[in-house]
PDB file of N, CA and C in Angstrom:
ATOM      1  N   MET A   1       0.764  -1.103   0.442  1.00  0.00           N
ATOM      2  CA  MET A   1      -0.344   0.019   0.209  1.00  0.00           C
ATOM      3  C   MET A   1       1.146   1.341  -0.037  1.00  0.00           C
ATOM      4  N   GLU A   2       0.588   2.025  -1.483  1.00  0.00           N
ATOM      5  CA  GLU A   2       1.368   3.128  -0.896  1.00  0.00           C
ATOM      6  C   GLU A   2       1.015   4.363   0.385  1.00  0.00           C
ATOM      7  N   ARG A   3       2.189   5.519   0.639  1.00  0.00           N
ATOM      8  CA  ARG A   3       1.463   6.363   1.225  1.00  0.00           C
ATOM      9  C   ARG A   3       1.123   6.901   1.337  1.00  0.00           C
ATOM     10  N   ASN A   4       0.329   7.337  -0.324  1.00  0.00           N
ATOM     11  CA  ASN A   4      -0.869   8.002  -0.328  1.00  0.00           C
ATOM     12  C   ASN A   4      -2.375   7.179   0.141  1.00  0.00           C
ATOM     13  N   GLU A   5      -2.356   6.237  -0.424  1.00  0.00           N
ATOM     14  CA  GLU A   5      -3.357   5.541  -0.206  1.00  0.00           C
ATOM     15  C   GLU A   5      -3.842   5.621   1.516  1.00  0.00           C
ATOM     16  N   ILE A   6      -2.288   5.721   2.502  1.00  0.00           N
ATOM     17  CA  ILE A   6      -2.840   5.655   3.674  1.00  0.00           C
ATOM     18  C   ILE A   6      -3.307   6.873   4.559  1.00  0.00           C
ATOM     19  N   ILE A   7      -2.789   7.545   3.875  1.00  0.00           N
ATOM     20  CA  ILE A   7      -3.483   9.609   3.892  1.00  0.00           C
ATOM     21  C   ILE A   7      -4.413   9.035   3.665  1.00  0.00           C
ATOM     22  N   GLU A   8      -4.917   9.002   2.679  1.00  0.00           N
ATOM     23  CA  GLU A   8      -6.691   8.802   2.416  1.00  0.00           C
ATOM     24  C   GLU A   8      -7.317   8.252   2.854  1.00  0.00           C
ATOM     25  N   GLN A   9      -6.909   7.082   4.083  1.00  0.00           N
ATOM     26  CA  GLN A   9      -7.883   6.258   4.633  1.00  0.00           C
ATOM     27  C   GLN A   9      -7.804   7.096   5.957  1.00  0.00           C
ATOM     28  N   ALA A  10      -6.621   7.721   6.342  1.00  0.00           N
ATOM     29  CA  ALA A  10      -6.560   8.151   7.766  1.00  0.00           C
ATOM     30  C   ALA A  10      -7.647   9.179   7.463  1.00  0.00           C
ATOM     31  N   VAL A  11      -7.205  10.146   6.374  1.00  0.00           N
ATOM     32  CA  VAL A  11      -8.047  11.086   6.557  1.00  0.00           C
ATOM     33  C   VAL A  11      -9.500  11.190   6.590  1.00  0.00           C
ATOM     34  N   MET A  12     -10.356   9.962   5.587  1.00  0.00           N
ATOM     35  CA  MET A  12     -11.327   9.254   5.617  1.00  0.00           C
ATOM     36  C   MET A  12     -11.901   8.898   7.615  1.00  0.00           C
ATOM     37  N   ILE A  13     -11.459   8.009   8.021  1.00  0.00           N
ATOM     38  CA  ILE A  13     -11.360   7.823   9.471  1.00  0.00           C
ATOM     39  C   ILE A  13     -11.573   8.871  10.184  1.00  0.00           C
ATOM     40  N   ALA A  14     -10.211   9.859  10.192  1.00  0.00           N
ATOM     41  CA  ALA A  14     -10.656  11.282  10.796  1.00  0.00           C
ATOM     42  C   ALA A  14     -12.214  11.874  10.679  1.00  0.00           C
ATOM     43  N   ILE A  15     -12.391  11.463   8.880  1.00  0.00           N
ATOM     44  CA  ILE A  15     -14.153  12.576   8.943  1.00  0.00           C
ATOM     45  C   ILE A  15     -15.166  11.168  10.008  1.00  0.00           C
ATOM     46  N   ILE A  16     -14.846  10.342   9.850  1.00  0.00           N
ATOM     47  CA  ILE A  16     -15.963   9.394  10.070  1.00  0.00           C
ATOM     48  C   ILE A  16     -16.049   9.675  12.073  1.00  0.00           C
ATOM     49  N   VAL A  17     -14.592   9.596  12.578  1.00  0.00           N
ATOM     50  CA  VAL A  17     -14.809  10.047  13.970  1.00  0.00           C
ATOM     51  C   VAL A  17     -15.202  11.377  14.325  1.00  0.00           C
ATOM     52  N   ALA A  18     -14.479  12.408  13.201  1.00  0.00           N
ATOM     53  CA  ALA A  18     -15.066  13.944  13.571  1.00  0.00           C
ATOM     54  C   ALA A  18     -17.140  14.040  13.579  1.00  0.00           C
ATOM     55  N   TRP A  19     -17.682  13.347  12.803  1.00  0.00           N
ATOM     56  CA  TRP A  19     -19.139  13.310  12.453  1.00  0.00           C
ATOM     57  C   TRP A  19     -19.715  12.646  13.925  1.00  0.00           C
ATOM     58  N   LEU A  20     -18.924  11.596  14.296  1.00  0.00           N
ATOM     59  CA  LEU A  20     -19.285  10.839  15.233  1.00  0.00           C
ATOM     60  C   LEU A  20     -19.487  11.770  16.366  1.00  0.00           C
ATOM     61  N   VAL A  21     -18.110  12.446  16.933  1.00  0.00           N
ATOM     62  CA  VAL A  21     -18.394  13.089  18.084  1.00  0.00           C
ATOM     63  C   VAL A  21     -19.450  13.897  17.707  1.00  0.00           C
ATOM     64  N   ARG A  22     -19.685  14.533  16.562  1.00  0.00           N
ATOM     65  CA  ARG A  22     -21.080  16.081  16.393  1.00  0.00           C
ATOM     66  C   ARG A  22     -22.092  15.164  16.565  1.00  0.00           C
ATOM     67  N   ILE A  23     -22.004  14.107  16.546  1.00  0.00           N
ATOM     68  CA  ILE A  23     -23.674  13.208  16.392  1.00  0.00           C
ATOM     69  C   ILE A  23     -23.970  12.760  17.818  1.00  0.00           C
ATOM     70  N   PHE A  24     -22.905  12.154  18.439  1.00  0.00           N
ATOM     71  CA  PHE A  24     -23.107  11.922  19.742  1.00  0.00           C
ATOM     72  C   PHE A  24     -22.827  12.998  20.823  1.00  0.00           C
ATOM     73  N   THR A  25     -22.127  13.875  20.832  1.00  0.00           N
ATOM     74  CA  THR A  25     -21.332  15.033  21.503  1.00  0.00           C
ATOM     75  C   THR A  25     -22.285  15.766  21.459  1.00  0.00           C
ATOM     76  N   GLY A  26     -22.594  16.455  20.309  1.00  0.00           N
ATOM     77  CA  GLY A  26     -23.493  17.861  20.164  1.00  0.00           C
ATOM     78  C   GLY A  26     -22.509  18.660  19.954  1.00  0.00           C
ATOM     79  N   TYR A  27     -21.368  18.325  20.087  1.00  0.00           N
ATOM     80  CA  TYR A  27     -20.191  19.625  19.910  1.00  0.00           C
ATOM     81  C   TYR A  27     -19.991  20.133  18.696  1.00  0.00           C
ATOM     82  N   ASP A  28     -20.061  21.396  18.798  1.00  0.00           N
ATOM     83  CA  ASP A  28     -20.536  22.153  17.440  1.00  0.00           C
ATOM     84  C   ASP A  28     -19.913  23.983  17.515  1.00  0.00           C
ATOM     85  N   ALA A  29     -18.551  23.949  17.746  1.00  0.00           N
ATOM     86  CA  ALA A  29     -17.146  25.012  17.753  1.00  0.00           C
ATOM     87  C   ALA A  29     -17.623  25.691  16.545  1.00  0.00           C
ATOM     88  N   PRO A  30     -17.369  26.654  16.225  1.00  0.00           N
ATOM     89  CA  PRO A  30     -17.366  27.411  15.117  1.00  0.00           C
ATOM     90  C   PRO A  30     -16.065  26.822  14.160  1.00  0.00           C
ATOM     91  N   TRP A  31     -14.892  26.327  14.806  1.00  0.00           N
ATOM     92  CA  TRP A  31     -13.955  25.906  14.045  1.00  0.00           C
ATOM     93  C   TRP A  31     -14.772  24.420  13.321  1.00  0.00           C
ATOM     94  N   PHE A  32     -15.190  23.520  14.335  1.00  0.00           N
ATOM     95  CA  PHE A  32     -15.204  22.378  13.977  1.00  0.00           C
ATOM     96  C   PHE A  32     -16.488  22.062  13.060  1.00  0.00           C
ATOM     97  N   HIS A  33     -17.598  23.270  13.142  1.00  0.00           N
ATOM     98  CA  HIS A  33     -18.206  23.255  11.982  1.00  0.00           C
ATOM     99  C   HIS A  33     -17.992  23.254  10.666  1.00  0.00           C
ATOM    100  N   VAL A  34     -17.128  24.030  10.567  1.00  0.00           N
ATOM    101  CA  VAL A  34     -15.750  24.685   9.280  1.00  0.00           C
ATOM    102  C   VAL A  34     -15.777  23.180   8.848  1.00  0.00           C
ATOM    103  N   LEU A  35     -15.167  22.277   9.908  1.00  0.00           N
ATOM    104  CA  LEU A  35     -14.038  21.375   9.241  1.00  0.00           C
ATOM    105  C   LEU A  35     -14.919  20.142   9.085  1.00  0.00           C
ATOM    106  N   ILE A  36     -16.435  19.624   9.644  1.00  0.00           N
ATOM    107  CA  ILE A  36     -17.006  18.676   9.192  1.00  0.00           C
ATOM    108  C   ILE A  36     -18.005  19.239   8.057  1.00  0.00           C
ATOM    109  N   TYR A  37     -18.862  20.547   7.765  1.00  0.00           N
ATOM    110  CA  TYR A  37     -19.400  20.596   7.154  1.00  0.00           C
ATOM    111  C   TYR A  37     -18.989  21.065   5.565  1.00  0.00           C
ATOM    112  N   TYR A  38     -17.525  21.872   5.752  1.00  0.00           N
ATOM    113  CA  TYR A  38     -17.040  22.493   4.160  1.00  0.00           C
ATOM    114  C   TYR A  38     -15.534  21.404   4.304  1.00  0.00           C
ATOM    115  N   ALA A  39     -14.598  21.586   4.876  1.00  0.00           N
ATOM    116  CA  ALA A  39     -13.622  20.640   5.159  1.00  0.00           C
ATOM    117  C   ALA A  39     -13.725  19.500   4.229  1.00  0.00           C
ATOM    118  N   ALA A  40     -14.783  18.829   4.982  1.00  0.00           N
ATOM    119  CA  ALA A  40     -14.645  17.269   4.832  1.00  0.00           C
ATOM    120  C   ALA A  40     -15.378  16.666   3.576  1.00  0.00           C
ATOM    121  N   PRO A  41     -16.568  17.161   2.866  1.00  0.00           N
ATOM    122  CA  PRO A  41     -16.582  17.059   2.056  1.00  0.00           C
ATOM    123  C   PRO A  41     -15.714  17.439   0.637  1.00  0.00           C
ATOM    124  N   VAL A  42     -14.742  18.652   0.927  1.00  0.00           N
ATOM    125  CA  VAL A  42     -14.343  18.542  -0.077  1.00  0.00           C
ATOM    126  C   VAL A  42     -12.833  17.639  -0.278  1.00  0.00           C
ATOM    127  N   ALA A  43     -12.457  17.217   0.964  1.00  0.00           N
ATOM    128  CA  ALA A  43     -11.483  16.213   1.297  1.00  0.00           C
ATOM    129  C   ALA A  43     -12.139  14.952   0.332  1.00  0.00           C
ATOM    130  N   LEU A  44     -12.876  14.647   1.137  1.00  0.00           N
ATOM    131  CA  LEU A  44     -13.913  13.569   0.288  1.00  0.00           C
ATOM    132  C   LEU A  44     -13.665  13.530  -1.397  1.00  0.00           C
ATOM    133  N   VAL A  45     -13.995  14.514  -2.312  1.00  0.00           N
ATOM    134  CA  VAL A  45     -14.419  14.729  -3.579  1.00  0.00           C
ATOM    135  C   VAL A  45     -13.297  14.548  -3.893  1.00  0.00           C
ATOM    136  N   TRP A  46     -11.868  15.341  -3.251  1.00  0.00           N
ATOM    137  CA  TRP A  46     -10.721  14.852  -3.815  1.00  0.00           C
ATOM    138  C   TRP A  46     -10.020  13.681  -3.516  1.00  0.00           C
ATOM    139  N   ILE A  47     -10.412  12.658  -2.508  1.00  0.00           N
ATOM    140  CA  ILE A  47     -10.013  11.627  -2.642  1.00  0.00           C
ATOM    141  C   ILE A  47     -10.614  10.864  -3.471  1.00  0.00           C
ATOM    142  N   LEU A  48     -12.230  10.887  -4.186  1.00  0.00           N
ATOM    143  CA  LEU A  48     -12.679   9.967  -4.817  1.00  0.00           C
ATOM    144  C   LEU A  48     -11.875  10.378  -6.168  1.00  0.00           C
ATOM    145  N   VAL A  49     -11.844  11.645  -6.741  1.00  0.00           N
ATOM    146  CA  VAL A  49     -10.877  11.970  -7.870  1.00  0.00           C
ATOM    147  C   VAL A  49      -9.579  11.406  -8.129  1.00  0.00           C
ATOM    148  N   VAL A  50      -8.852  11.492  -7.039  1.00  0.00           N
ATOM    149  CA  VAL A  50      -7.825  10.555  -6.943  1.00  0.00           C
ATOM    150  C   VAL A  50      -8.147   9.046  -7.333  1.00  0.00           C
ATOM    151  N   ARG A  51      -8.612   8.481  -6.224  1.00  0.00           N
ATOM    152  CA  ARG A  51      -9.324   7.137  -6.856  1.00  0.00           C
ATOM    153  C   ARG A  51      -9.686   6.637  -8.096  1.00  0.00           C
ATOM    154  N   TRP A  52     -10.488   7.398  -8.617  1.00  0.00           N
ATOM    155  CA  TRP A  52     -11.373   7.239 -10.068  1.00  0.00           C
ATOM    156  C   TRP A  52      -9.816   7.078 -10.920  1.00  0.00           C
ATOM    157  N   ARG A  53      -8.801   8.415 -10.679  1.00  0.00           N
ATOM    158  CA  ARG A  53      -7.803   8.569 -11.829  1.00  0.00           C
ATOM    159  C   ARG A  53      -7.116   7.043 -11.517  1.00  0.00           C
ATOM    160  N   ARG A  54      -6.762   6.568 -10.488  1.00  0.00           N
ATOM    161  CA  ARG A  54      -6.190   5.382 -10.011  1.00  0.00           C
ATOM    162  C   ARG A  54      -6.460   4.477 -10.764  1.00  0.00           C
ATOM    163  N   VAL A  55      -7.940   4.330 -10.861  1.00  0.00           N
ATOM    164  CA  VAL A  55      -8.773   2.728 -11.239  1.00  0.00           C
ATOM    165  C   VAL A  55      -8.272   3.114 -12.757  1.00  0.00           C
ATOM    166  N   HIS A  56      -8.716   4.395 -13.296  1.00  0.00           N
ATOM    167  CA  HIS A  56      -8.673   4.148 -14.680  1.00  0.00           C
ATOM    168  C   HIS A  56      -7.060   4.089 -15.242  1.00  0.00           C
ATOM    169  N   GLU A  57      -6.251   4.229 -14.583  1.00  0.00           N
ATOM    170  CA  GLU A  57      -4.619   4.048 -14.904  1.00  0.00           C
ATOM    171  C   GLU A  57      -4.433   2.787 -14.820  1.00  0.00           C
ATOM    172  N   GLY A  58      -5.205   2.197 -14.163  1.00  0.00           N
ATOM    173  CA  GLY A  58      -5.328   0.587 -14.161  1.00  0.00           C
ATOM    174  C   GLY A  58      -5.653   0.089 -14.955  1.00  0.00           C
ATOM    175  N   PHE A  59      -7.075   0.416 -14.764  1.00  0.00           N
ATOM    176  CA  PHE A  59      -7.793  -0.379 -16.511  1.00  0.00           C
ATOM    177  C   PHE A  59      -7.066  -0.138 -17.934  1.00  0.00           C
ATOM    178  N   GLU A  60      -6.555   0.867 -18.053  1.00  0.00           N
ATOM    179  CA  GLU A  60      -5.298   1.340 -19.421  1.00  0.00           C
ATOM    180  C   GLU A  60      -4.093   0.672 -19.322  1.00  0.00           C
ATOM    181  N   TYR A  61      -3.338   0.186 -18.375  1.00  0.00           N
ATOM    182  CA  TYR A  61      -2.434  -0.531 -17.865  1.00  0.00           C
ATOM    183  C   TYR A  61      -2.421  -2.114 -18.659  1.00  0.00           C
ATOM    184  N   SER A  62      -4.069  -2.212 -17.910  1.00  0.00           N
ATOM    185  CA  SER A  62      -4.514  -4.158 -17.972  1.00  0.00           C
ATOM    186  C   SER A  62      -4.740  -4.214 -19.906  1.00  0.00           C
ATOM    187  N   ARG A  63      -5.507  -2.806 -20.856  1.00  0.00           N
ATOM    188  CA  ARG A  63      -5.678  -3.480 -21.973  1.00  0.00           C
ATOM    189  C   ARG A  63      -4.211  -3.257 -22.425  1.00  0.00           C
ATOM    190  N   LYS A  64      -3.438  -2.370 -22.290  1.00  0.00           N
ATOM    191  CA  LYS A  64      -1.863  -2.331 -22.612  1.00  0.00           C
ATOM    192  C   LYS A  64      -1.400  -3.637 -22.643  1.00  0.00           C
ATOM    193  N   ILE A  65      -1.451  -4.744 -21.300  1.00  0.00           N
ATOM    194  CA  ILE A  65      -0.841  -5.989 -21.302  1.00  0.00           C
ATOM    195  C   ILE A  65      -1.713  -6.944 -22.666  1.00  0.00           C
ATOM    196  N   VAL A  66      -3.128  -7.000 -22.405  1.00  0.00           N
ATOM    197  CA  VAL A  66      -3.639  -7.314 -22.929  1.00  0.00           C
ATOM    198  C   VAL A  66      -3.407  -7.222 -24.783  1.00  0.00           C
ATOM    199  N   ASP A  67      -3.265  -6.301 -24.773  1.00  0.00           N
ATOM    200  CA  ASP A  67      -2.985  -5.457 -26.400  1.00  0.00           C
ATOM    201  C   ASP A  67      -1.686  -6.082 -26.910  1.00  0.00           C
ATOM    202  N   ALA A  68      -0.418  -6.006 -25.711  1.00  0.00           N
ATOM    203  CA  ALA A  68       0.773  -7.113 -25.862  1.00  0.00           C
ATOM    204  C   ALA A  68       0.466  -8.247 -26.288  1.00  0.00           C
ATOM    205  N   GLN A  69       0.237  -8.550 -25.113  1.00  0.00           N
ATOM    206  CA  GLN A  69      -0.079 -10.732 -25.137  1.00  0.00           C
ATOM    207  C   GLN A  69      -0.962 -10.956 -26.985  1.00  0.00           C
ATOM    208  N   HIS A  70      -1.918  -9.944 -27.111  1.00  0.00           N
ATOM    209  CA  HIS A  70      -2.474 -10.363 -28.352  1.00  0.00           C
ATOM    210  C   HIS A  70      -1.697 -10.257 -29.749  1.00  0.00           C
ATOM    211  N   GLN A  71      -1.029  -9.168 -29.531  1.00  0.00           N
ATOM    212  CA  GLN A  71       0.180  -8.981 -31.037  1.00  0.00           C
ATOM    213  C   GLN A  71       0.990  -9.908 -30.883  1.00  0.00           C
ATOM    214  N   ALA A  72       1.778 -10.103 -29.725  1.00  0.00           N
ATOM    215  CA  ALA A  72       2.885 -11.130 -29.322  1.00  0.00           C
ATOM    216  C   ALA A  72       2.553 -12.557 -29.723  1.00  0.00           C
ATOM    217  N   THR A  73       1.524 -12.950 -29.560  1.00  0.00           N
ATOM    218  CA  THR A  73       0.701 -14.124 -30.077  1.00  0.00           C
ATOM    219  C   THR A  73       0.135 -14.656 -31.401  1.00  0.00           C
ATOM    220  N   GLY A  74      -0.189 -13.322 -31.432  1.00  0.00           N
ATOM    221  CA  GLY A  74      -0.963 -13.624 -32.945  1.00  0.00           C
ATOM    222  C   GLY A  74      -2.129 -13.988 -32.464  1.00  0.00           C
ATOM    223  N   ALA A  75      -2.750 -14.334 -31.485  1.00  0.00           N
ATOM    224  CA  ALA A  75      -4.202 -15.199 -31.182  1.00  0.00           C
ATOM    225  C   ALA A  75      -5.182 -13.872 -30.243  1.00  0.00           C
ATOM    226  N   ASN A  76      -6.151 -14.293 -30.710  1.00  0.00           N
ATOM    227  CA  ASN A  76      -7.291 -13.217 -30.033  1.00  0.00           C
ATOM    228  C   ASN A  76      -6.993 -13.380 -28.380  1.00  0.00           C
ATOM    229  N   ILE A  77      -8.217 -12.945 -28.104  1.00  0.00           N
ATOM    230  CA  ILE A  77      -8.045 -12.571 -26.566  1.00  0.00           C
ATOM    231  C   ILE A  77      -8.831 -13.833 -26.084  1.00  0.00           C
ATOM    232  N   VAL A  78      -9.352 -15.144 -26.657  1.00  0.00           N
ATOM    233  CA  VAL A  78      -9.235 -16.301 -26.068  1.00  0.00           C
ATOM    234  C   VAL A  78      -8.372 -17.368 -26.634  1.00  0.00           C
ATOM    235  N   GLY A  79      -7.479 -16.945 -27.205  1.00  0.00           N
ATOM    236  CA  GLY A  79      -6.547 -17.581 -27.763  1.00  0.00           C
ATOM    237  C   GLY A  79      -6.535 -18.381 -28.902  1.00  0.00           C
ATOM    238  N   ARG A  80      -7.470 -18.430 -29.706  1.00  0.00           N
ATOM    239  CA  ARG A  80      -7.802 -18.839 -30.885  1.00  0.00           C
ATOM    240  C   ARG A  80      -8.339 -18.298 -31.827  1.00  0.00           C
ATOM    241  N   GLN A  81      -7.560 -18.230 -33.495  1.00  0.00           N
ATOM    242  CA  GLN A  81      -7.240 -17.436 -34.504  1.00  0.00           C
ATOM    243  C   GLN A  81      -8.740 -17.271 -34.547  1.00  0.00           C
ATOM    244  N   PRO A  82      -9.168 -15.581 -34.947  1.00  0.00           N
ATOM    245  CA  PRO A  82     -10.673 -15.474 -35.262  1.00  0.00           C
ATOM    246  C   PRO A  82     -10.943 -16.426 -36.353  1.00  0.00           C
ATOM    247  N   GLN A  83     -12.128 -16.797 -36.598  1.00  0.00           N
ATOM    248  CA  GLN A  83     -13.006 -17.601 -37.435  1.00  0.00           C
ATOM    249  C   GLN A  83     -13.812 -16.758 -38.411  1.00  0.00           C
ATOM    250  N   THR A  84     -13.902 -16.758 -39.579  1.00  0.00           N
ATOM    251  CA  THR A  84     -14.980 -16.470 -40.715  1.00  0.00           C
ATOM    252  C   THR A  84     -16.527 -16.628 -40.167  1.00  0.00           C
ATOM    253  N   GLY A  85     -17.219 -15.907 -40.069  1.00  0.00           N
ATOM    254  CA  GLY A  85     -18.747 -16.205 -40.540  1.00  0.00           C
ATOM    255  C   GLY A  85     -19.615 -15.981 -39.043  1.00  0.00           C
ATOM    256  N   GLY A  86     -18.726 -15.451 -38.086  1.00  0.00           N
ATOM    257  CA  GLY A  86     -19.001 -15.798 -36.568  1.00  0.00           C
ATOM    258  C   GLY A  86     -20.024 -14.584 -36.586  1.00  0.00           C
ATOM    259  N   ARG A  87     -20.506 -14.341 -35.945  1.00  0.00           N
ATOM    260  CA  ARG A  87     -21.330 -12.759 -35.168  1.00  0.00           C
ATOM    261  C   ARG A  87     -20.036 -11.870 -34.563  1.00  0.00           C
ATOM    262  N   PRO A  88     -19.973 -10.801 -34.755  1.00  0.00           N
ATOM    263  CA  PRO A  88     -19.324  -9.508 -34.395  1.00  0.00           C
ATOM    264  C   PRO A  88     -18.936  -9.545 -32.257  1.00  0.00           C
ATOM    265  N   SER A  89     -18.028  -9.204 -31.862  1.00  0.00           N
ATOM    266  CA  SER A  89     -17.479  -9.381 -30.820  1.00  0.00           C
ATOM    267  C   SER A  89     -17.160  -7.666 -30.252  1.00  0.00           C
ATOM    268  N   PRO A  90     -17.312  -7.118 -28.839  1.00  0.00           N
ATOM    269  CA  PRO A  90     -16.991  -6.231 -28.443  1.00  0.00           C
ATOM    270  C   PRO A  90     -15.346  -5.932 -28.646  1.00  0.00           C
ATOM    271  N   TYR A  91     -14.680  -6.664 -28.507  1.00  0.00           N
ATOM    272  CA  TYR A  91     -13.537  -7.194 -28.587  1.00  0.00           C
ATOM    273  C   TYR A  91     -12.523  -6.763 -29.762  1.00  0.00           C
ATOM    274  N   PRO A  92     -11.477  -6.236 -30.004  1.00  0.00           N
ATOM    275  CA  PRO A  92     -11.190  -6.055 -31.591  1.00  0.00           C
ATOM    276  C   PRO A  92     -10.934  -7.572 -31.739  1.00  0.00           C
ATOM    277  N   GLY A  93     -10.464  -8.012 -33.130  1.00  0.00           N
ATOM    278  CA  GLY A  93     -10.146  -9.406 -33.162  1.00  0.00           C
ATOM    279  C   GLY A  93     -10.692  -9.888 -33.249  1.00  0.00           C
ATOM    280  N   VAL A  94     -11.549 -10.334 -32.391  1.00  0.00           N
ATOM    281  CA  VAL A  94     -12.423 -11.540 -32.104  1.00  0.00           C
ATOM    282  C   VAL A  94     -13.942 -12.067 -32.951  1.00  0.00           C
ATOM    283  N   ILE A  95     -13.705 -12.922 -33.026  1.00  0.00           N
ATOM    284  CA  ILE A  95     -15.550 -13.274 -33.844  1.00  0.00           C
ATOM    285  C   ILE A  95     -15.788 -14.442 -32.969  1.00  0.00           C
ATOM    286  N   ILE A  96     -17.059 -14.260 -32.244  1.00  0.00           N
ATOM    287  CA  ILE A  96     -17.805 -14.778 -31.993  1.00  0.00           C
ATOM    288  C   ILE A  96     -18.287 -16.032 -32.909  1.00  0.00           C
ATOM    289  N   PRO A  97     -18.264 -17.501 -32.751  1.00  0.00           N
ATOM    290  CA  PRO A  97     -18.642 -18.417 -33.399  1.00  0.00           C
ATOM    291  C   PRO A  97     -20.386 -18.433 -33.123  1.00  0.00           C
ATOM    292  N   ASP A  98     -21.202 -18.676 -34.527  1.00  0.00           N
ATOM    293  CA  ASP A  98     -22.085 -18.873 -34.733  1.00  0.00           C
ATOM    294  C   ASP A  98     -22.799 -20.232 -34.013  1.00  0.00           C
ATOM    295  N   ASN A  99     -21.993 -21.052 -34.031  1.00  0.00           N
ATOM    296  CA  ASN A  99     -22.261 -22.545 -33.432  1.00  0.00           C
ATOM    297  C   ASN A  99     -21.464 -22.799 -32.454  1.00  0.00           C
ATOM    298  N   PRO A 100     -21.294 -22.563 -30.836  1.00  0.00           N
ATOM    299  CA  PRO A 100     -20.347 -23.077 -29.706  1.00  0.00           C
ATOM    300  C   PRO A 100     -19.856 -24.797 -30.137  1.00  0.00           C
ATOM    301  N   GLU A 101     -18.649 -24.521 -29.846  1.00  0.00           N
ATOM    302  CA  GLU A 101     -17.356 -25.666 -30.110  1.00  0.00           C
ATOM    303  C   GLU A 101     -18.157 -26.572 -28.954  1.00  0.00           C
ATOM    304  N   MET A 102     -18.335 -26.064 -27.660  1.00  0.00           N
ATOM    305  CA  MET A 102     -18.934 -27.122 -26.851  1.00  0.00           C
ATOM    306  C   MET A 102     -20.361 -27.075 -26.608  1.00  0.00           C
ATOM    307  N   PRO A 103     -20.967 -28.161 -26.313  1.00  0.00           N
ATOM    308  CA  PRO A 103     -22.286 -28.177 -26.400  1.00  0.00           C
ATOM    309  C   PRO A 103     -23.332 -27.885 -25.161  1.00  0.00           C
ATOM    310  N   GLN A 104     -24.491 -27.460 -24.607  1.00  0.00           N
ATOM    311  CA  GLN A 104     -24.424 -27.056 -23.685  1.00  0.00           C
ATOM    312  C   GLN A 104     -24.702 -28.293 -22.928  1.00  0.00           C
ATOM    313  N   MET A 105     -24.488 -28.355 -21.610  1.00  0.00           N
ATOM    314  CA  MET A 105     -24.566 -29.246 -20.620  1.00  0.00           C
ATOM    315  C   MET A 105     -26.208 -29.485 -20.553  1.00  0.00           C
ATOM    316  N   PRO A 106     -26.837 -30.803 -20.367  1.00  0.00           N
ATOM    317  CA  PRO A 106     -28.125 -31.227 -20.630  1.00  0.00           C
ATOM    318  C   PRO A 106     -28.737 -30.803 -18.963  1.00  0.00           C
ATOM    319  N   ARG A 107     -30.076 -30.054 -18.755  1.00  0.00           N
ATOM    320  CA  ARG A 107     -30.457 -30.013 -17.658  1.00  0.00           C
ATOM    321  C   ARG A 107     -30.823 -31.219 -16.681  1.00  0.00           C
ATOM    322  N   ASP A 108     -30.906 -31.378 -15.626  1.00  0.00           N
ATOM    323  CA  ASP A 108     -31.259 -32.150 -14.725  1.00  0.00           C
ATOM    324  C   ASP A 108     -32.883 -31.846 -14.929  1.00  0.00           C
ATOM    325  N   GLU A 109     -33.245 -33.034 -15.679  1.00  0.00           N
ATOM    326  CA  GLU A 109     -34.618 -33.166 -15.421  1.00  0.00           C
ATOM    327  C   GLU A 109     -35.617 -33.314 -13.999  1.00  0.00           C
ATOM    328  N   ASP A 110     -34.769 -34.456 -12.855  1.00  0.00           N
ATOM    329  CA  ASP A 110     -35.339 -34.589 -11.674  1.00  0.00           C
ATOM    330  C   ASP A 110     -35.533 -33.287 -11.109  1.00  0.00           C
ATOM    331  N   ASP A 111     -36.879 -33.164 -10.690  1.00  0.00           N
ATOM    332  CA  ASP A 111     -36.871 -31.843  -9.905  1.00  0.00           C
ATOM    333  C   ASP A 111     -37.559 -31.888  -8.840  1.00  0.00           C
ATOM    334  N   ASP A 112     -36.832 -31.488  -7.342  1.00  0.00           N
ATOM    335  CA  ASP A 112     -37.234 -32.356  -6.045  1.00  0.00           C
ATOM    336  C   ASP A 112     -38.223 -30.836  -5.331  1.00  0.00           C
ATOM    337  N   SER A 113     -39.067 -30.569  -6.036  1.00  0.00           N
ATOM    338  CA  SER A 113     -39.781 -29.156  -5.343  1.00  0.00           C
ATOM    339  C   SER A 113     -41.089 -29.791  -5.871  1.00  0.00           C
ATOM    340  N   GLU A 114     -41.414 -31.303  -5.333  1.00  0.00           N
ATOM    341  CA  GLU A 114     -42.959 -31.989  -5.103  1.00  0.00           C
ATOM    342  C   GLU A 114     -43.308 -32.066  -4.061  1.00  0.00           C
TER     343      GLU A 114
END
């Protein structure tokens, strides 16, 4: 865990503790009021934006890894060469076959709900 993540978690815990103090003791000094009603929401929005960016950086990194693997092997994402005559897929270079290679498993006709 990085130092920034630890700081974010500490700030969130401090905000929760501050709100608990306000709720259970009724303490409402002017500086405390400004802290929990104005500074806390700004800090939480800041943490949200930072984490949102961090998640998208992770998604972008994962996409680059998958693309590099795709280019290195020459195969599509599922490991097979694309076949013609299938339906389009949301993944680039992948064609979903019209007839799946694996037959569907038969369902159990024994119903225990008698």
